[in-house]
Amino acid sequence: MKQNLKIAILMTLVTTVLLGIIYPLVVTGLAQVMFHDKANGQLITRHGEIVGSRIIGQAFAGSGYLHSRPSAAGNGYDAANSGGTNFAPTNQKLIDRVNSDVARLQAENPGQPIPIDLVTTSASGLDPDITPAAAEFQVPRLAHERGLGEDQVRQIIQRHTYGRQLGFLGEPRINVLEVNLALDDVSPLAKK
């Protein structure tokens, strides 16, 4: 009995040190050496300041910016509260929010069909990408606010459009932060 207890305690200590300290340090070290950018959240910096991440969405409310899809994560894009609302399609709060978003978007671009990802949240609430249709819907507003031609805005969006992974996985997508930074490079908005 004493021998079994001694072995159990020793195994607990050894596995705790091995799997709780050594293994995470080795994996973290390898990730930093082999995939430094990805291991650190694919952060984007401008003028020495972190402005966001390629893989975590953020809200853009200004009319001169490409808007992300809505987020239900916390107060919006809160990584600590990642997740959808889990509201049923018949939930009145969800219906009211979607109707409000549809009305706002119809006023922005009358007569145009509204892409579904501009009124629905992603499962994580942190999606950094939108569909090409959602970006195209916003082109007239962006061109007007930035004083650019619509074709110029489309070219910027096209440069930041990613195709399917491995040619067949997923759908084409546009990284909202990258497009907004490119728009700022070409035609900065006046500070208000």
N, C-alpha and C. Protein backbone atom coordinates (compact mmCIF):
# COMPACT_ATOMS: atom_id res chain seq x y z
N MET A 1 0.82 -1.19 0.00
CA MET A 1 0.00 0.00 0.00
C MET A 1 0.87 1.26 0.00
N LYS A 2 1.86 1.31 0.86
CA LYS A 2 2.76 2.45 0.95
C LYS A 2 3.53 2.64 -0.36
N GLN A 3 3.94 1.53 -0.95
CA GLN A 3 4.70 1.56 -2.20
C GLN A 3 3.81 2.12 -3.33
N ASN A 4 2.54 1.68 -3.38
CA ASN A 4 1.61 2.17 -4.41
C ASN A 4 1.35 3.66 -4.27
N LEU A 5 1.19 4.14 -3.04
CA LEU A 5 0.98 5.56 -2.79
C LEU A 5 2.20 6.38 -3.23
N LYS A 6 3.38 5.86 -2.93
CA LYS A 6 4.63 6.53 -3.32
C LYS A 6 4.74 6.62 -4.85
N ILE A 7 4.41 5.54 -5.53
CA ILE A 7 4.46 5.52 -7.00
C ILE A 7 3.43 6.49 -7.58
N ALA A 8 2.23 6.50 -7.02
CA ALA A 8 1.17 7.39 -7.51
C ALA A 8 1.56 8.86 -7.37
N ILE A 9 2.12 9.22 -6.22
CA ILE A 9 2.56 10.60 -5.99
C ILE A 9 3.69 10.96 -6.94
N LEU A 10 4.65 10.06 -7.09
CA LEU A 10 5.79 10.29 -7.99
C LEU A 10 5.31 10.45 -9.44
N MET A 11 4.38 9.58 -9.88
CA MET A 11 3.86 9.67 -11.25
C MET A 11 3.11 11.00 -11.46
N THR A 12 2.36 11.43 -10.45
CA THR A 12 1.64 12.69 -10.54
C THR A 12 2.62 13.85 -10.70
N LEU A 13 3.67 13.85 -9.90
CA LEU A 13 4.67 14.92 -10.01
C LEU A 13 5.39 14.89 -11.35
N VAL A 14 5.80 13.71 -11.79
CA VAL A 14 6.54 13.58 -13.06
C VAL A 14 5.66 14.00 -14.23
N THR A 15 4.42 13.51 -14.28
CA THR A 15 3.55 13.87 -15.41
C THR A 15 3.15 15.34 -15.36
N THR A 16 3.00 15.90 -14.17
CA THR A 16 2.67 17.32 -14.06
C THR A 16 3.81 18.17 -14.61
N VAL A 17 5.03 17.86 -14.24
CA VAL A 17 6.19 18.60 -14.73
C VAL A 17 6.37 18.37 -16.23
N LEU A 18 6.26 17.12 -16.66
CA LEU A 18 6.47 16.79 -18.07
C LEU A 18 5.38 17.40 -18.97
N LEU A 19 4.11 17.14 -18.61
CA LEU A 19 3.02 17.57 -19.48
C LEU A 19 2.48 18.96 -19.17
N GLY A 20 2.75 19.46 -17.98
CA GLY A 20 2.23 20.77 -17.60
C GLY A 20 3.24 21.89 -17.74
N ILE A 21 4.53 21.55 -17.81
CA ILE A 21 5.56 22.58 -17.90
C ILE A 21 6.45 22.37 -19.13
N ILE A 22 7.10 21.23 -19.20
CA ILE A 22 8.07 20.99 -20.27
C ILE A 22 7.41 20.94 -21.65
N TYR A 23 6.35 20.14 -21.80
CA TYR A 23 5.68 20.02 -23.11
C TYR A 23 5.16 21.37 -23.61
N PRO A 24 4.40 22.14 -22.80
CA PRO A 24 3.94 23.45 -23.30
C PRO A 24 5.09 24.39 -23.67
N LEU A 25 6.17 24.37 -22.91
CA LEU A 25 7.31 25.22 -23.25
C LEU A 25 7.95 24.81 -24.58
N VAL A 26 8.07 23.52 -24.83
CA VAL A 26 8.64 23.03 -26.08
C VAL A 26 7.75 23.40 -27.27
N VAL A 27 6.45 23.15 -27.12
CA VAL A 27 5.52 23.46 -28.20
C VAL A 27 5.48 24.97 -28.47
N THR A 28 5.45 25.78 -27.43
CA THR A 28 5.46 27.24 -27.59
C THR A 28 6.75 27.70 -28.25
N GLY A 29 7.87 27.15 -27.81
CA GLY A 29 9.16 27.49 -28.41
C GLY A 29 9.22 27.14 -29.88
N LEU A 30 8.77 25.93 -30.23
CA LEU A 30 8.75 25.53 -31.64
C LEU A 30 7.83 26.43 -32.47
N ALA A 31 6.67 26.76 -31.92
CA ALA A 31 5.74 27.63 -32.64
C ALA A 31 6.35 29.01 -32.87
N GLN A 32 7.05 29.54 -31.87
CA GLN A 32 7.69 30.85 -32.01
C GLN A 32 8.77 30.83 -33.08
N VAL A 33 9.50 29.73 -33.17
CA VAL A 33 10.59 29.63 -34.14
C VAL A 33 10.05 29.34 -35.54
N MET A 34 9.11 28.40 -35.64
CA MET A 34 8.66 27.94 -36.96
C MET A 34 7.50 28.77 -37.53
N PHE A 35 6.62 29.26 -36.68
CA PHE A 35 5.42 29.98 -37.15
C PHE A 35 5.21 31.23 -36.32
N HIS A 36 6.20 32.09 -36.24
CA HIS A 36 6.17 33.23 -35.33
C HIS A 36 4.91 34.09 -35.49
N ASP A 37 4.58 34.46 -36.71
CA ASP A 37 3.43 35.33 -36.94
C ASP A 37 2.13 34.65 -36.49
N LYS A 38 1.95 33.40 -36.87
CA LYS A 38 0.73 32.68 -36.51
C LYS A 38 0.64 32.41 -35.01
N ALA A 39 1.75 32.12 -34.38
CA ALA A 39 1.75 31.84 -32.94
C ALA A 39 1.41 33.07 -32.11
N ASN A 40 1.55 34.24 -32.69
CA ASN A 40 1.29 35.49 -31.96
C ASN A 40 0.01 36.18 -32.42
N GLY A 41 -0.90 35.45 -33.06
CA GLY A 41 -2.20 36.00 -33.40
C GLY A 41 -2.27 36.75 -34.72
N GLN A 42 -1.26 36.65 -35.56
CA GLN A 42 -1.23 37.32 -36.86
C GLN A 42 -1.58 38.80 -36.73
N LEU A 43 -0.89 39.47 -35.84
CA LEU A 43 -1.13 40.88 -35.56
C LEU A 43 -0.66 41.76 -36.70
N ILE A 44 -1.39 42.83 -36.94
CA ILE A 44 -1.05 43.80 -37.98
C ILE A 44 -0.65 45.09 -37.28
N THR A 45 0.50 45.62 -37.66
CA THR A 45 0.97 46.88 -37.05
C THR A 45 1.07 47.97 -38.12
N ARG A 46 0.82 49.19 -37.69
CA ARG A 46 0.99 50.37 -38.53
C ARG A 46 1.71 51.42 -37.69
N HIS A 47 2.82 51.92 -38.20
CA HIS A 47 3.59 52.95 -37.52
C HIS A 47 3.97 52.51 -36.11
N GLY A 48 4.34 51.23 -35.96
CA GLY A 48 4.78 50.71 -34.68
C GLY A 48 3.67 50.42 -33.68
N GLU A 49 2.42 50.55 -34.10
CA GLU A 49 1.28 50.33 -33.20
C GLU A 49 0.42 49.18 -33.73
N ILE A 50 0.01 48.28 -32.85
CA ILE A 50 -0.85 47.17 -33.26
C ILE A 50 -2.24 47.72 -33.54
N VAL A 51 -2.76 47.42 -34.75
CA VAL A 51 -4.08 47.91 -35.13
C VAL A 51 -5.12 46.81 -35.19
N GLY A 52 -4.70 45.57 -35.11
CA GLY A 52 -5.66 44.46 -35.14
C GLY A 52 -4.99 43.16 -35.49
N SER A 53 -5.81 42.17 -35.74
CA SER A 53 -5.36 40.83 -36.08
C SER A 53 -6.04 40.39 -37.37
N ARG A 54 -5.31 39.62 -38.18
CA ARG A 54 -5.90 39.09 -39.41
C ARG A 54 -6.97 38.04 -39.12
N ILE A 55 -6.94 37.45 -37.94
CA ILE A 55 -7.82 36.31 -37.66
C ILE A 55 -8.90 36.60 -36.62
N ILE A 56 -8.96 37.81 -36.09
CA ILE A 56 -10.01 38.17 -35.14
C ILE A 56 -10.68 39.44 -35.64
N GLY A 57 -11.97 39.36 -35.84
CA GLY A 57 -12.71 40.50 -36.37
C GLY A 57 -12.80 41.64 -35.38
N GLN A 58 -13.13 42.79 -35.89
CA GLN A 58 -13.36 43.96 -35.05
C GLN A 58 -14.40 44.83 -35.73
N ALA A 59 -15.04 45.67 -34.95
CA ALA A 59 -16.10 46.52 -35.50
C ALA A 59 -15.53 47.74 -36.21
N PHE A 60 -16.15 48.10 -37.32
CA PHE A 60 -15.84 49.33 -38.03
C PHE A 60 -17.15 50.04 -38.26
N ALA A 61 -17.36 51.13 -37.56
CA ALA A 61 -18.65 51.82 -37.62
C ALA A 61 -18.66 53.00 -38.58
N GLY A 62 -17.52 53.58 -38.86
CA GLY A 62 -17.47 54.76 -39.73
C GLY A 62 -17.97 54.46 -41.13
N SER A 63 -18.63 55.42 -41.74
CA SER A 63 -19.20 55.20 -43.07
C SER A 63 -18.14 55.06 -44.16
N GLY A 64 -16.91 55.46 -43.87
CA GLY A 64 -15.84 55.32 -44.85
C GLY A 64 -15.09 54.00 -44.74
N TYR A 65 -15.61 53.11 -43.92
CA TYR A 65 -14.94 51.82 -43.72
C TYR A 65 -15.84 50.66 -44.15
N LEU A 66 -15.20 49.62 -44.65
CA LEU A 66 -15.89 48.37 -44.94
C LEU A 66 -16.37 47.81 -43.60
N HIS A 67 -17.64 47.47 -43.50
CA HIS A 67 -18.19 46.99 -42.24
C HIS A 67 -18.10 45.47 -42.16
N SER A 68 -17.79 44.99 -40.96
CA SER A 68 -17.73 43.57 -40.69
C SER A 68 -19.14 43.03 -40.53
N ARG A 69 -19.24 41.71 -40.44
CA ARG A 69 -20.56 41.16 -40.14
C ARG A 69 -20.85 41.38 -38.67
N PRO A 70 -22.11 41.39 -38.27
CA PRO A 70 -22.44 41.64 -36.86
C PRO A 70 -21.81 40.60 -35.94
N SER A 71 -21.58 41.00 -34.70
CA SER A 71 -20.99 40.10 -33.71
C SER A 71 -21.90 39.99 -32.49
N ALA A 72 -22.06 38.77 -32.01
CA ALA A 72 -22.84 38.54 -30.79
C ALA A 72 -21.91 38.21 -29.63
N ALA A 73 -20.62 38.35 -29.82
CA ALA A 73 -19.64 38.01 -28.78
C ALA A 73 -19.54 39.15 -27.77
N GLY A 74 -20.09 38.95 -26.60
CA GLY A 74 -20.04 39.98 -25.57
C GLY A 74 -20.67 41.26 -26.07
N ASN A 75 -19.96 42.37 -25.97
CA ASN A 75 -20.44 43.65 -26.50
C ASN A 75 -19.99 43.85 -27.94
N GLY A 76 -19.66 42.78 -28.60
CA GLY A 76 -19.22 42.84 -29.99
C GLY A 76 -17.74 42.62 -30.11
N TYR A 77 -17.36 41.56 -30.76
CA TYR A 77 -15.96 41.19 -30.99
C TYR A 77 -15.17 41.05 -29.70
N ASP A 78 -15.79 40.56 -28.66
CA ASP A 78 -15.15 40.34 -27.37
C ASP A 78 -14.65 38.90 -27.31
N ALA A 79 -13.36 38.71 -27.48
CA ALA A 79 -12.79 37.36 -27.53
C ALA A 79 -13.01 36.58 -26.24
N ALA A 80 -13.20 37.27 -25.13
CA ALA A 80 -13.46 36.58 -23.86
C ALA A 80 -14.86 35.98 -23.83
N ASN A 81 -15.75 36.46 -24.69
CA ASN A 81 -17.12 35.96 -24.74
C ASN A 81 -17.47 35.48 -26.14
N SER A 82 -16.54 34.81 -26.79
CA SER A 82 -16.75 34.34 -28.14
C SER A 82 -17.93 33.38 -28.21
N GLY A 83 -18.76 33.59 -29.20
CA GLY A 83 -19.89 32.70 -29.41
C GLY A 83 -21.05 33.43 -30.03
N GLY A 84 -21.99 32.67 -30.53
CA GLY A 84 -23.18 33.24 -31.10
C GLY A 84 -24.21 33.53 -30.02
N THR A 85 -25.35 34.04 -30.42
CA THR A 85 -26.39 34.36 -29.45
C THR A 85 -27.15 33.13 -29.01
N ASN A 86 -27.19 32.11 -29.84
CA ASN A 86 -27.99 30.91 -29.61
C ASN A 86 -29.48 31.22 -29.57
N PHE A 87 -29.87 32.36 -30.13
CA PHE A 87 -31.29 32.68 -30.24
C PHE A 87 -31.91 31.79 -31.32
N ALA A 88 -33.08 31.30 -31.06
CA ALA A 88 -33.83 30.54 -32.06
C ALA A 88 -34.29 31.49 -33.16
N PRO A 89 -34.54 30.98 -34.35
CA PRO A 89 -35.01 31.86 -35.43
C PRO A 89 -36.31 32.59 -35.09
N THR A 90 -37.06 32.09 -34.12
CA THR A 90 -38.33 32.73 -33.74
C THR A 90 -38.16 33.71 -32.58
N ASN A 91 -36.94 33.89 -32.07
CA ASN A 91 -36.70 34.79 -30.94
C ASN A 91 -36.91 36.23 -31.38
N GLN A 92 -37.73 36.96 -30.62
CA GLN A 92 -38.08 38.33 -31.01
C GLN A 92 -36.87 39.27 -31.01
N LYS A 93 -35.92 39.07 -30.09
CA LYS A 93 -34.72 39.92 -30.07
C LYS A 93 -33.92 39.76 -31.37
N LEU A 94 -33.78 38.52 -31.82
CA LEU A 94 -33.05 38.25 -33.06
C LEU A 94 -33.81 38.85 -34.25
N ILE A 95 -35.12 38.65 -34.29
CA ILE A 95 -35.93 39.18 -35.39
C ILE A 95 -35.83 40.70 -35.44
N ASP A 96 -35.91 41.35 -34.28
CA ASP A 96 -35.82 42.82 -34.23
C ASP A 96 -34.46 43.31 -34.68
N ARG A 97 -33.38 42.65 -34.24
CA ARG A 97 -32.04 43.07 -34.64
C ARG A 97 -31.84 42.92 -36.14
N VAL A 98 -32.25 41.77 -36.68
CA VAL A 98 -32.08 41.54 -38.12
C VAL A 98 -32.92 42.54 -38.91
N ASN A 99 -34.16 42.76 -38.51
CA ASN A 99 -35.01 43.74 -39.21
C ASN A 99 -34.41 45.14 -39.16
N SER A 100 -33.84 45.50 -38.03
CA SER A 100 -33.19 46.81 -37.90
C SER A 100 -31.99 46.92 -38.84
N ASP A 101 -31.17 45.86 -38.88
CA ASP A 101 -30.01 45.85 -39.78
C ASP A 101 -30.43 45.91 -41.24
N VAL A 102 -31.49 45.16 -41.59
CA VAL A 102 -31.98 45.17 -42.97
C VAL A 102 -32.47 46.56 -43.35
N ALA A 103 -33.22 47.22 -42.46
CA ALA A 103 -33.72 48.57 -42.76
C ALA A 103 -32.57 49.55 -42.95
N ARG A 104 -31.55 49.46 -42.09
CA ARG A 104 -30.39 50.36 -42.20
C ARG A 104 -29.66 50.13 -43.51
N LEU A 105 -29.48 48.86 -43.89
CA LEU A 105 -28.76 48.54 -45.13
C LEU A 105 -29.57 48.89 -46.37
N GLN A 106 -30.89 48.74 -46.31
CA GLN A 106 -31.72 49.13 -47.45
C GLN A 106 -31.66 50.63 -47.68
N ALA A 107 -31.56 51.39 -46.58
CA ALA A 107 -31.43 52.85 -46.72
C ALA A 107 -30.08 53.23 -47.32
N GLU A 108 -29.06 52.44 -47.00
CA GLU A 108 -27.71 52.70 -47.51
C GLU A 108 -27.61 52.43 -49.00
N ASN A 109 -28.27 51.36 -49.44
CA ASN A 109 -28.12 50.92 -50.82
C ASN A 109 -29.48 50.45 -51.34
N PRO A 110 -30.40 51.40 -51.60
CA PRO A 110 -31.78 51.05 -51.97
C PRO A 110 -31.85 50.16 -53.21
N GLY A 111 -32.76 49.21 -53.14
CA GLY A 111 -33.02 48.37 -54.30
C GLY A 111 -32.04 47.23 -54.50
N GLN A 112 -30.99 47.15 -53.70
CA GLN A 112 -30.01 46.09 -53.86
C GLN A 112 -30.28 44.95 -52.87
N PRO A 113 -30.10 43.71 -53.31
CA PRO A 113 -30.28 42.60 -52.37
C PRO A 113 -29.19 42.65 -51.29
N ILE A 114 -29.58 42.38 -50.05
CA ILE A 114 -28.65 42.47 -48.93
C ILE A 114 -28.01 41.11 -48.69
N PRO A 115 -26.68 41.03 -48.75
CA PRO A 115 -26.01 39.76 -48.48
C PRO A 115 -26.28 39.28 -47.05
N ILE A 116 -26.51 38.01 -46.89
CA ILE A 116 -26.92 37.44 -45.62
C ILE A 116 -25.88 37.68 -44.52
N ASP A 117 -24.59 37.71 -44.87
CA ASP A 117 -23.58 37.87 -43.81
C ASP A 117 -23.51 39.29 -43.25
N LEU A 118 -24.23 40.23 -43.85
CA LEU A 118 -24.27 41.57 -43.27
C LEU A 118 -25.36 41.71 -42.21
N VAL A 119 -26.22 40.68 -42.08
CA VAL A 119 -27.27 40.73 -41.07
C VAL A 119 -27.25 39.54 -40.11
N THR A 120 -26.36 38.58 -40.35
CA THR A 120 -26.27 37.42 -39.45
C THR A 120 -24.90 37.38 -38.80
N THR A 121 -24.85 36.88 -37.57
CA THR A 121 -23.57 36.76 -36.86
C THR A 121 -22.93 35.42 -37.17
N SER A 122 -21.62 35.35 -37.01
CA SER A 122 -20.94 34.07 -37.18
C SER A 122 -21.04 33.28 -35.89
N ALA A 123 -20.68 32.01 -35.94
CA ALA A 123 -20.76 31.14 -34.76
C ALA A 123 -19.85 31.63 -33.65
N SER A 124 -18.69 32.17 -34.00
CA SER A 124 -17.75 32.63 -32.98
C SER A 124 -18.00 34.08 -32.57
N GLY A 125 -18.61 34.85 -33.46
CA GLY A 125 -18.78 36.28 -33.21
C GLY A 125 -17.50 37.06 -33.47
N LEU A 126 -16.47 36.38 -33.97
CA LEU A 126 -15.16 37.02 -34.17
C LEU A 126 -14.67 36.91 -35.62
N ASP A 127 -15.56 36.63 -36.54
CA ASP A 127 -15.18 36.40 -37.92
C ASP A 127 -14.57 37.65 -38.54
N PRO A 128 -13.32 37.58 -39.03
CA PRO A 128 -12.66 38.76 -39.61
C PRO A 128 -13.01 38.97 -41.09
N ASP A 129 -13.73 38.03 -41.68
CA ASP A 129 -13.96 38.06 -43.12
C ASP A 129 -15.44 38.25 -43.46
N ILE A 130 -15.66 38.76 -44.66
CA ILE A 130 -17.01 38.83 -45.23
C ILE A 130 -16.95 38.24 -46.63
N THR A 131 -18.10 38.00 -47.21
CA THR A 131 -18.16 37.45 -48.57
C THR A 131 -17.91 38.54 -49.60
N PRO A 132 -17.53 38.14 -50.81
CA PRO A 132 -17.40 39.14 -51.88
C PRO A 132 -18.70 39.92 -52.11
N ALA A 133 -19.85 39.26 -51.96
CA ALA A 133 -21.13 39.95 -52.15
C ALA A 133 -21.33 41.04 -51.09
N ALA A 134 -20.93 40.76 -49.86
CA ALA A 134 -21.06 41.76 -48.79
C ALA A 134 -20.14 42.95 -49.03
N ALA A 135 -18.96 42.69 -49.56
CA ALA A 135 -18.04 43.80 -49.88
C ALA A 135 -18.57 44.61 -51.05
N GLU A 136 -19.05 43.92 -52.08
CA GLU A 136 -19.59 44.62 -53.26
C GLU A 136 -20.77 45.50 -52.88
N PHE A 137 -21.60 45.04 -51.96
CA PHE A 137 -22.75 45.82 -51.51
C PHE A 137 -22.31 47.17 -50.92
N GLN A 138 -21.13 47.20 -50.31
CA GLN A 138 -20.65 48.40 -49.63
C GLN A 138 -19.81 49.33 -50.51
N VAL A 139 -19.51 48.90 -51.73
CA VAL A 139 -18.65 49.69 -52.63
C VAL A 139 -19.17 51.11 -52.87
N PRO A 140 -20.45 51.32 -53.20
CA PRO A 140 -20.90 52.70 -53.46
C PRO A 140 -20.67 53.63 -52.26
N ARG A 141 -20.97 53.16 -51.05
CA ARG A 141 -20.77 53.98 -49.85
C ARG A 141 -19.30 54.29 -49.65
N LEU A 142 -18.45 53.29 -49.79
CA LEU A 142 -17.01 53.49 -49.61
C LEU A 142 -16.45 54.48 -50.63
N ALA A 143 -16.84 54.31 -51.88
CA ALA A 143 -16.35 55.20 -52.94
C ALA A 143 -16.78 56.63 -52.66
N HIS A 144 -18.03 56.82 -52.27
CA HIS A 144 -18.55 58.16 -51.99
C HIS A 144 -17.81 58.79 -50.81
N GLU A 145 -17.69 58.06 -49.71
CA GLU A 145 -17.06 58.60 -48.49
C GLU A 145 -15.57 58.87 -48.67
N ARG A 146 -14.91 58.09 -49.50
CA ARG A 146 -13.47 58.23 -49.69
C ARG A 146 -13.11 59.13 -50.87
N GLY A 147 -14.09 59.49 -51.66
CA GLY A 147 -13.80 60.30 -52.84
C GLY A 147 -13.04 59.51 -53.90
N LEU A 148 -13.33 58.23 -53.97
CA LEU A 148 -12.68 57.34 -54.94
C LEU A 148 -13.70 56.85 -55.95
N GLY A 149 -13.21 56.35 -57.06
CA GLY A 149 -14.10 55.71 -58.02
C GLY A 149 -14.46 54.31 -57.52
N GLU A 150 -15.63 53.84 -57.92
CA GLU A 150 -16.05 52.50 -57.48
C GLU A 150 -15.08 51.43 -57.98
N ASP A 151 -14.55 51.60 -59.18
CA ASP A 151 -13.59 50.62 -59.70
C ASP A 151 -12.32 50.59 -58.85
N GLN A 152 -11.89 51.75 -58.37
CA GLN A 152 -10.72 51.81 -57.49
C GLN A 152 -10.97 51.01 -56.21
N VAL A 153 -12.14 51.19 -55.62
CA VAL A 153 -12.49 50.47 -54.40
C VAL A 153 -12.56 48.98 -54.68
N ARG A 154 -13.15 48.60 -55.81
CA ARG A 154 -13.23 47.18 -56.17
C ARG A 154 -11.84 46.56 -56.34
N GLN A 155 -10.90 47.30 -56.91
CA GLN A 155 -9.53 46.79 -57.07
C GLN A 155 -8.88 46.55 -55.71
N ILE A 156 -9.10 47.45 -54.77
CA ILE A 156 -8.54 47.27 -53.42
C ILE A 156 -9.15 46.03 -52.78
N ILE A 157 -10.45 45.88 -52.91
CA ILE A 157 -11.12 44.71 -52.34
C ILE A 157 -10.60 43.44 -53.00
N GLN A 158 -10.44 43.46 -54.31
CA GLN A 158 -9.96 42.28 -55.04
C GLN A 158 -8.56 41.86 -54.56
N ARG A 159 -7.71 42.83 -54.26
CA ARG A 159 -6.35 42.50 -53.79
C ARG A 159 -6.37 41.81 -52.43
N HIS A 160 -7.45 41.98 -51.69
CA HIS A 160 -7.55 41.39 -50.35
C HIS A 160 -8.62 40.30 -50.29
N THR A 161 -8.89 39.71 -51.45
CA THR A 161 -9.84 38.60 -51.54
C THR A 161 -9.04 37.30 -51.57
N TYR A 162 -9.43 36.40 -50.70
CA TYR A 162 -8.77 35.10 -50.62
C TYR A 162 -9.70 34.05 -51.21
N GLY A 163 -9.14 33.17 -52.03
CA GLY A 163 -9.93 32.10 -52.63
C GLY A 163 -10.13 30.94 -51.67
N ARG A 164 -10.66 29.88 -52.19
CA ARG A 164 -10.89 28.68 -51.38
C ARG A 164 -9.55 28.09 -50.97
N GLN A 165 -9.50 27.55 -49.77
CA GLN A 165 -8.27 26.92 -49.30
C GLN A 165 -8.08 25.60 -50.04
N LEU A 166 -6.88 25.38 -50.50
CA LEU A 166 -6.53 24.19 -51.29
C LEU A 166 -7.39 24.06 -52.55
N GLY A 167 -8.01 25.15 -52.96
CA GLY A 167 -8.80 25.16 -54.17
C GLY A 167 -10.22 24.63 -54.04
N PHE A 168 -10.58 24.01 -52.89
CA PHE A 168 -11.92 23.45 -52.77
C PHE A 168 -12.55 23.58 -51.38
N LEU A 169 -11.82 24.04 -50.40
CA LEU A 169 -12.36 24.17 -49.05
C LEU A 169 -12.84 25.60 -48.79
N GLY A 170 -14.04 25.74 -48.26
CA GLY A 170 -14.57 27.04 -47.91
C GLY A 170 -15.02 27.83 -49.12
N GLU A 171 -15.21 29.10 -48.88
CA GLU A 171 -15.69 30.02 -49.91
C GLU A 171 -14.73 31.20 -50.02
N PRO A 172 -14.74 31.92 -51.14
CA PRO A 172 -13.92 33.13 -51.23
C PRO A 172 -14.32 34.11 -50.11
N ARG A 173 -13.34 34.84 -49.59
CA ARG A 173 -13.59 35.73 -48.47
C ARG A 173 -12.69 36.95 -48.55
N ILE A 174 -13.11 38.00 -47.86
CA ILE A 174 -12.38 39.26 -47.86
C ILE A 174 -12.10 39.64 -46.43
N ASN A 175 -10.84 39.94 -46.12
CA ASN A 175 -10.47 40.35 -44.77
C ASN A 175 -10.78 41.84 -44.62
N VAL A 176 -11.71 42.14 -43.72
CA VAL A 176 -12.20 43.51 -43.55
C VAL A 176 -11.10 44.46 -43.10
N LEU A 177 -10.31 44.06 -42.11
CA LEU A 177 -9.25 44.93 -41.60
C LEU A 177 -8.24 45.27 -42.69
N GLU A 178 -7.83 44.28 -43.47
CA GLU A 178 -6.85 44.53 -44.52
C GLU A 178 -7.38 45.51 -45.56
N VAL A 179 -8.64 45.37 -45.93
CA VAL A 179 -9.24 46.31 -46.91
C VAL A 179 -9.29 47.71 -46.32
N ASN A 180 -9.71 47.83 -45.06
CA ASN A 180 -9.80 49.16 -44.44
C ASN A 180 -8.44 49.83 -44.32
N LEU A 181 -7.41 49.07 -44.02
CA LEU A 181 -6.06 49.65 -43.95
C LEU A 181 -5.59 50.08 -45.34
N ALA A 182 -5.91 49.27 -46.36
CA ALA A 182 -5.55 49.64 -47.73
C ALA A 182 -6.30 50.89 -48.18
N LEU A 183 -7.57 51.00 -47.79
CA LEU A 183 -8.33 52.21 -48.12
C LEU A 183 -7.72 53.43 -47.44
N ASP A 184 -7.29 53.28 -46.18
CA ASP A 184 -6.65 54.39 -45.47
C ASP A 184 -5.34 54.79 -46.15
N ASP A 185 -4.61 53.81 -46.70
CA ASP A 185 -3.36 54.12 -47.40
C ASP A 185 -3.61 54.93 -48.67
N VAL A 186 -4.68 54.61 -49.38
CA VAL A 186 -4.97 55.26 -50.66
C VAL A 186 -5.69 56.60 -50.45
N SER A 187 -6.63 56.61 -49.51
CA SER A 187 -7.45 57.81 -49.30
C SER A 187 -7.82 57.93 -47.82
N PRO A 188 -6.92 58.51 -47.03
CA PRO A 188 -7.22 58.63 -45.59
C PRO A 188 -8.45 59.49 -45.33
N LEU A 189 -9.20 59.07 -44.31
CA LEU A 189 -10.36 59.85 -43.90
C LEU A 189 -9.91 61.00 -43.04
N ALA A 190 -10.59 62.13 -43.17
CA ALA A 190 -10.27 63.30 -42.33
C ALA A 190 -10.64 63.00 -40.89
N LYS A 191 -9.79 63.37 -39.97
CA LYS A 191 -10.05 63.17 -38.53
C LYS A 191 -11.16 64.12 -38.11
N LYS A 192 -12.11 63.57 -37.36
CA LYS A 192 -13.23 64.41 -36.90
C LYS A 192 -13.04 64.76 -35.45
